Amino acid sequence: MERVREKTRDTESVEDPVFRYLTFQLSGETYGIDILHVREIIEFGSITPIPMMPDFIAGVINLRGSVVPVVDLNCRFSESRAQITKRTSIIVIELRKDDFQLDIGVVVDLVNDVLEIRKSDIEPAPKFGAKIRTDFIEGMGKVDGSFLILLQVENVLDVDELSVVEALASETDPPPEANG
């Protein structure tokens, strides 16, 4: 398990700040999530399914006594389930809405690393042509001559929708401690 907490913004240049993104692979595409949202990265483990949930909700995990809903990002983007391999991971993301905080796990094929991207190297989200909904895209990060899709996690992981999953899961016995 890896804790992801450190200084996340470069304040050297106010005009062109540097943002840090955790990058990962999903169906051969590289994505990035602002590291300010990342709580931790864990190995893929046992996920307890919750009946009558949308297909992209893989289920819940017990993370040190807390019920954490898990989203299959591949299914959220393309309606096909993620292929689980030995490199599959769950990124635990912290989301806040008003005074409410929710930890959400997302299944990814492979976690890459943390990249620093200057604001000037981030292009606006494309209006068309992306493999995922454009409201899921915060922007396109230019890194070493290629583009990286930077996700708008608040849109990809709708807190209102997922808090219902957490509430339903909490009504049942928590799954056995599989992670953490």
C-alpha atoms as a PDB file:
ATOM      1  CA  MET A   1       0.000   0.000   0.000  1.00  0.00           C
ATOM      2  CA  GLU A   2       1.258   3.435  -0.874  1.00  0.00           C
ATOM      3  CA  ARG A   3       0.237   6.650   0.863  1.00  0.00           C
ATOM      4  CA  VAL A   4      -0.011   9.589  -1.486  1.00  0.00           C
ATOM      5  CA  ARG A   5       0.365  12.779   0.538  1.00  0.00           C
ATOM      6  CA  GLU A   6       2.881  15.464  -0.170  1.00  0.00           C
ATOM      7  CA  LYS A   7       3.223  19.020  -1.449  1.00  0.00           C
ATOM      8  CA  THR A   8       1.159  19.043  -4.610  1.00  0.00           C
ATOM      9  CA  ARG A   9       1.500  22.492  -6.097  1.00  0.00           C
ATOM     10  CA  ASP A  10       4.646  24.231  -7.284  1.00  0.00           C
ATOM     11  CA  THR A  11       4.453  27.856  -6.174  1.00  0.00           C
ATOM     12  CA  GLU A  12       7.655  28.974  -7.887  1.00  0.00           C
ATOM     13  CA  SER A  13       5.776  30.440 -10.851  1.00  0.00           C
ATOM     14  CA  VAL A  14       2.452  32.123 -10.175  1.00  0.00           C
ATOM     15  CA  GLU A  15       1.891  32.714 -13.909  1.00  0.00           C
ATOM     16  CA  ASP A  16       2.504  29.083 -14.895  1.00  0.00           C
ATOM     17  CA  PRO A  17       1.918  26.821 -11.868  1.00  0.00           C
ATOM     18  CA  VAL A  18       2.774  23.126 -11.904  1.00  0.00           C
ATOM     19  CA  PHE A  19       0.071  20.589 -11.120  1.00  0.00           C
ATOM     20  CA  ARG A  20       0.730  16.971 -10.144  1.00  0.00           C
ATOM     21  CA  TYR A  21      -1.269  14.094 -11.574  1.00  0.00           C
ATOM     22  CA  LEU A  22      -1.268  10.404 -10.728  1.00  0.00           C
ATOM     23  CA  THR A  23      -1.229   8.638 -14.085  1.00  0.00           C
ATOM     24  CA  PHE A  24      -2.669   5.231 -14.873  1.00  0.00           C
ATOM     25  CA  GLN A  25      -3.594   2.971 -17.774  1.00  0.00           C
ATOM     26  CA  LEU A  26      -7.091   1.881 -18.706  1.00  0.00           C
ATOM     27  CA  SER A  27      -7.734  -0.140 -21.868  1.00  0.00           C
ATOM     28  CA  GLY A  28      -4.462   1.075 -23.394  1.00  0.00           C
ATOM     29  CA  GLU A  29      -5.201   4.769 -22.771  1.00  0.00           C
ATOM     30  CA  THR A  30      -3.295   6.923 -20.263  1.00  0.00           C
ATOM     31  CA  TYR A  31      -5.268   9.048 -17.825  1.00  0.00           C
ATOM     32  CA  GLY A  32      -4.367  11.401 -14.997  1.00  0.00           C
ATOM     33  CA  ILE A  33      -6.089  12.379 -11.742  1.00  0.00           C
ATOM     34  CA  ASP A  34      -5.108  15.478  -9.768  1.00  0.00           C
ATOM     35  CA  ILE A  35      -3.093  14.102  -6.869  1.00  0.00           C
ATOM     36  CA  LEU A  36      -5.040  16.279  -4.439  1.00  0.00           C
ATOM     37  CA  HIS A  37      -7.919  13.784  -4.838  1.00  0.00           C
ATOM     38  CA  VAL A  38      -5.794  10.644  -4.314  1.00  0.00           C
ATOM     39  CA  ARG A  39      -5.851   9.145  -0.836  1.00  0.00           C
ATOM     40  CA  GLU A  40      -3.952   5.923  -1.510  1.00  0.00           C
ATOM     41  CA  ILE A  41      -3.307   3.108  -3.939  1.00  0.00           C
ATOM     42  CA  ILE A  42      -4.035  -0.493  -2.980  1.00  0.00           C
ATOM     43  CA  GLU A  43      -3.698  -3.891  -4.600  1.00  0.00           C
ATOM     44  CA  PHE A  44      -6.802  -5.220  -6.266  1.00  0.00           C
ATOM     45  CA  GLY A  45      -8.554  -7.503  -3.798  1.00  0.00           C
ATOM     46  CA  SER A  46     -11.915  -8.982  -2.978  1.00  0.00           C
ATOM     47  CA  ILE A  47     -14.842  -6.747  -3.911  1.00  0.00           C
ATOM     48  CA  THR A  48     -18.281  -7.494  -2.493  1.00  0.00           C
ATOM     49  CA  PRO A  49     -20.975  -6.910  -5.133  1.00  0.00           C
ATOM     50  CA  ILE A  50     -24.095  -4.930  -4.177  1.00  0.00           C
ATOM     51  CA  PRO A  51     -27.329  -6.070  -5.876  1.00  0.00           C
ATOM     52  CA  MET A  52     -29.323  -3.760  -8.149  1.00  0.00           C
ATOM     53  CA  MET A  53     -26.526  -1.226  -8.708  1.00  0.00           C
ATOM     54  CA  PRO A  54     -25.478   0.296 -12.027  1.00  0.00           C
ATOM     55  CA  ASP A  55     -23.061  -1.924 -13.975  1.00  0.00           C
ATOM     56  CA  PHE A  56     -20.119   0.421 -13.413  1.00  0.00           C
ATOM     57  CA  ILE A  57     -20.375  -0.045  -9.615  1.00  0.00           C
ATOM     58  CA  ALA A  58     -18.139  -3.074  -9.026  1.00  0.00           C
ATOM     59  CA  GLY A  59     -19.200  -3.279  -5.362  1.00  0.00           C
ATOM     60  CA  VAL A  60     -17.598  -2.298  -2.065  1.00  0.00           C
ATOM     61  CA  ILE A  61     -14.426  -3.057  -0.140  1.00  0.00           C
ATOM     62  CA  ASN A  62     -13.644  -2.904   3.549  1.00  0.00           C
ATOM     63  CA  LEU A  63     -10.742  -0.498   3.930  1.00  0.00           C
ATOM     64  CA  ARG A  64      -9.612  -0.585   7.553  1.00  0.00           C
ATOM     65  CA  GLY A  65     -13.194  -0.829   8.798  1.00  0.00           C
ATOM     66  CA  SER A  66     -14.733   1.656   6.345  1.00  0.00           C
ATOM     67  CA  VAL A  67     -17.054   0.653   3.525  1.00  0.00           C
ATOM     68  CA  VAL A  68     -15.677   2.080   0.274  1.00  0.00           C
ATOM     69  CA  PRO A  69     -17.677   1.877  -2.984  1.00  0.00           C
ATOM     70  CA  VAL A  70     -15.606   0.756  -5.971  1.00  0.00           C
ATOM     71  CA  VAL A  71     -16.187   1.943  -9.532  1.00  0.00           C
ATOM     72  CA  ASP A  72     -15.015  -0.036 -12.556  1.00  0.00           C
ATOM     73  CA  LEU A  73     -13.736   2.916 -14.639  1.00  0.00           C
ATOM     74  CA  ASN A  74     -13.513   0.830 -17.786  1.00  0.00           C
ATOM     75  CA  CYS A  75     -17.199  -0.030 -17.444  1.00  0.00           C
ATOM     76  CA  ARG A  76     -18.030   3.625 -16.645  1.00  0.00           C
ATOM     77  CA  PHE A  77     -16.303   4.750 -19.836  1.00  0.00           C
ATOM     78  CA  SER A  78     -17.041   1.945 -22.281  1.00  0.00           C
ATOM     79  CA  GLU A  79     -19.615  -0.420 -20.730  1.00  0.00           C
ATOM     80  CA  SER A  80     -17.155  -3.346 -20.771  1.00  0.00           C
ATOM     81  CA  ARG A  81     -15.734  -4.716 -17.529  1.00  0.00           C
ATOM     82  CA  ALA A  82     -12.054  -4.281 -16.636  1.00  0.00           C
ATOM     83  CA  GLN A  83      -9.818  -7.281 -17.257  1.00  0.00           C
ATOM     84  CA  ILE A  84      -8.268  -8.150 -13.889  1.00  0.00           C
ATOM     85  CA  THR A  85      -4.524  -8.903 -14.007  1.00  0.00           C
ATOM     86  CA  LYS A  86      -1.739  -9.030 -11.457  1.00  0.00           C
ATOM     87  CA  ARG A  87      -1.088  -5.295 -12.096  1.00  0.00           C
ATOM     88  CA  THR A  88      -4.711  -4.198 -11.583  1.00  0.00           C
ATOM     89  CA  SER A  89      -4.996  -1.698  -8.731  1.00  0.00           C
ATOM     90  CA  ILE A  90      -7.593   0.312  -6.864  1.00  0.00           C
ATOM     91  CA  ILE A  91      -6.983   4.042  -6.474  1.00  0.00           C
ATOM     92  CA  VAL A  92      -8.851   5.374  -3.442  1.00  0.00           C
ATOM     93  CA  ILE A  93     -10.052   8.904  -4.169  1.00  0.00           C
ATOM     94  CA  GLU A  94     -11.375  11.465  -1.675  1.00  0.00           C
ATOM     95  CA  LEU A  95     -14.292  13.529  -2.925  1.00  0.00           C
ATOM     96  CA  ARG A  96     -16.006  16.375  -1.090  1.00  0.00           C
ATOM     97  CA  LYS A  97     -19.365  17.951  -1.724  1.00  0.00           C
ATOM     98  CA  ASP A  98     -20.420  20.654   0.695  1.00  0.00           C
ATOM     99  CA  ASP A  99     -19.603  19.186   4.138  1.00  0.00           C
ATOM    100  CA  PHE A 100     -19.819  15.585   2.928  1.00  0.00           C
ATOM    101  CA  GLN A 101     -16.703  13.501   2.195  1.00  0.00           C
ATOM    102  CA  LEU A 102     -16.751  10.170   0.402  1.00  0.00           C
ATOM    103  CA  ASP A 103     -13.858   7.816  -0.330  1.00  0.00           C
ATOM    104  CA  ILE A 104     -14.341   6.001  -3.627  1.00  0.00           C
ATOM    105  CA  GLY A 105     -12.179   3.263  -5.115  1.00  0.00           C
ATOM    106  CA  VAL A 106     -11.586   3.099  -8.855  1.00  0.00           C
ATOM    107  CA  VAL A 107     -10.301  -0.006 -10.610  1.00  0.00           C
ATOM    108  CA  VAL A 108      -7.491   0.699 -13.094  1.00  0.00           C
ATOM    109  CA  ASP A 109      -5.356  -1.606 -15.226  1.00  0.00           C
ATOM    110  CA  LEU A 110      -2.011  -0.222 -14.127  1.00  0.00           C
ATOM    111  CA  VAL A 111      -0.787   2.702 -12.022  1.00  0.00           C
ATOM    112  CA  ASN A 112       2.085   4.537 -13.723  1.00  0.00           C
ATOM    113  CA  ASP A 113       3.563   7.416 -11.727  1.00  0.00           C
ATOM    114  CA  VAL A 114       3.095  11.030 -10.681  1.00  0.00           C
ATOM    115  CA  LEU A 115       3.745  13.620 -13.387  1.00  0.00           C
ATOM    116  CA  GLU A 116       4.203  17.351 -12.996  1.00  0.00           C
ATOM    117  CA  ILE A 117       2.391  19.302 -15.714  1.00  0.00           C
ATOM    118  CA  ARG A 118       2.574  23.072 -16.122  1.00  0.00           C
ATOM    119  CA  LYS A 119      -0.702  24.912 -16.584  1.00  0.00           C
ATOM    120  CA  SER A 120       0.563  26.122 -19.980  1.00  0.00           C
ATOM    121  CA  ASP A 121       0.846  22.445 -21.060  1.00  0.00           C
ATOM    122  CA  ILE A 122      -2.814  21.702 -20.331  1.00  0.00           C
ATOM    123  CA  GLU A 123      -5.197  22.153 -23.259  1.00  0.00           C
ATOM    124  CA  PRO A 124      -8.980  22.446 -22.866  1.00  0.00           C
ATOM    125  CA  ALA A 125     -11.080  19.286 -23.111  1.00  0.00           C
ATOM    126  CA  PRO A 126     -11.923  18.398 -26.720  1.00  0.00           C
ATOM    127  CA  LYS A 127     -15.510  19.004 -27.796  1.00  0.00           C
ATOM    128  CA  PHE A 128     -15.588  15.686 -29.669  1.00  0.00           C
ATOM    129  CA  GLY A 129     -13.462  12.700 -30.640  1.00  0.00           C
ATOM    130  CA  ALA A 130     -12.644  11.407 -27.142  1.00  0.00           C
ATOM    131  CA  LYS A 131     -13.469   7.819 -26.195  1.00  0.00           C
ATOM    132  CA  ILE A 132     -15.214   9.064 -23.041  1.00  0.00           C
ATOM    133  CA  ARG A 133     -17.819  11.727 -22.303  1.00  0.00           C
ATOM    134  CA  THR A 134     -16.322  15.200 -22.645  1.00  0.00           C
ATOM    135  CA  ASP A 135     -17.707  16.294 -19.254  1.00  0.00           C
ATOM    136  CA  PHE A 136     -15.420  13.637 -17.692  1.00  0.00           C
ATOM    137  CA  ILE A 137     -12.356  15.440 -19.098  1.00  0.00           C
ATOM    138  CA  GLU A 138     -10.718  18.338 -17.238  1.00  0.00           C
ATOM    139  CA  GLY A 139      -8.188  18.852 -20.002  1.00  0.00           C
ATOM    140  CA  MET A 140      -5.463  17.291 -22.120  1.00  0.00           C
ATOM    141  CA  GLY A 141      -1.979  17.337 -20.600  1.00  0.00           C
ATOM    142  CA  LYS A 142       0.933  17.642 -23.021  1.00  0.00           C
ATOM    143  CA  VAL A 143       3.770  15.376 -21.834  1.00  0.00           C
ATOM    144  CA  ASP A 144       6.825  14.544 -23.962  1.00  0.00           C
ATOM    145  CA  GLY A 145       5.030  15.327 -27.224  1.00  0.00           C
ATOM    146  CA  SER A 146       1.902  13.262 -26.529  1.00  0.00           C
ATOM    147  CA  PHE A 147      -1.387  13.930 -24.784  1.00  0.00           C
ATOM    148  CA  LEU A 148      -2.697  12.538 -21.513  1.00  0.00           C
ATOM    149  CA  ILE A 149      -6.407  12.700 -20.600  1.00  0.00           C
ATOM    150  CA  LEU A 150      -6.828  14.554 -17.301  1.00  0.00           C
ATOM    151  CA  LEU A 151     -10.034  13.461 -15.588  1.00  0.00           C
ATOM    152  CA  GLN A 152     -12.578  15.691 -13.856  1.00  0.00           C
ATOM    153  CA  VAL A 153     -13.171  13.252 -10.977  1.00  0.00           C
ATOM    154  CA  GLU A 154     -16.192  15.137  -9.626  1.00  0.00           C
ATOM    155  CA  ASN A 155     -18.047  14.344 -12.885  1.00  0.00           C
ATOM    156  CA  VAL A 156     -16.729  10.801 -13.364  1.00  0.00           C
ATOM    157  CA  LEU A 157     -17.558   9.862  -9.778  1.00  0.00           C
ATOM    158  CA  ASP A 158     -20.899  11.486  -8.992  1.00  0.00           C
ATOM    159  CA  VAL A 159     -20.933  11.841  -5.180  1.00  0.00           C
ATOM    160  CA  ASP A 160     -24.742  11.869  -4.923  1.00  0.00           C
ATOM    161  CA  GLU A 161     -25.032   8.639  -6.893  1.00  0.00           C
ATOM    162  CA  LEU A 162     -22.212   6.881  -5.038  1.00  0.00           C
ATOM    163  CA  SER A 163     -23.281   7.978  -1.559  1.00  0.00           C
ATOM    164  CA  VAL A 164     -26.436   5.896  -2.131  1.00  0.00           C
ATOM    165  CA  VAL A 165     -24.193   2.867  -2.762  1.00  0.00           C
ATOM    166  CA  GLU A 166     -22.287   3.532   0.461  1.00  0.00           C
ATOM    167  CA  ALA A 167     -25.540   3.854   2.428  1.00  0.00           C
ATOM    168  CA  LEU A 168     -26.909   0.589   1.021  1.00  0.00           C
ATOM    169  CA  ALA A 169     -23.636  -1.212   1.719  1.00  0.00           C
ATOM    170  CA  SER A 170     -23.542   0.101   5.294  1.00  0.00           C
ATOM    171  CA  GLU A 171     -26.949  -1.458   5.982  1.00  0.00           C
ATOM    172  CA  THR A 172     -25.463  -4.915   5.452  1.00  0.00           C
ATOM    173  CA  ASP A 173     -22.606  -6.540   7.281  1.00  0.00           C
ATOM    174  CA  PRO A 174     -19.290  -5.133   6.098  1.00  0.00           C
ATOM    175  CA  PRO A 175     -17.302  -7.427   3.802  1.00  0.00           C
ATOM    176  CA  PRO A 176     -14.301  -9.218   5.322  1.00  0.00           C
ATOM    177  CA  GLU A 177     -11.199  -7.054   5.611  1.00  0.00           C
ATOM    178  CA  ALA A 178      -9.465  -7.704   2.290  1.00  0.00           C
ATOM    179  CA  ASN A 179      -7.397  -4.575   1.893  1.00  0.00           C
ATOM    180  CA  GLY A 180      -5.358  -2.628   4.405  1.00  0.00           C
END
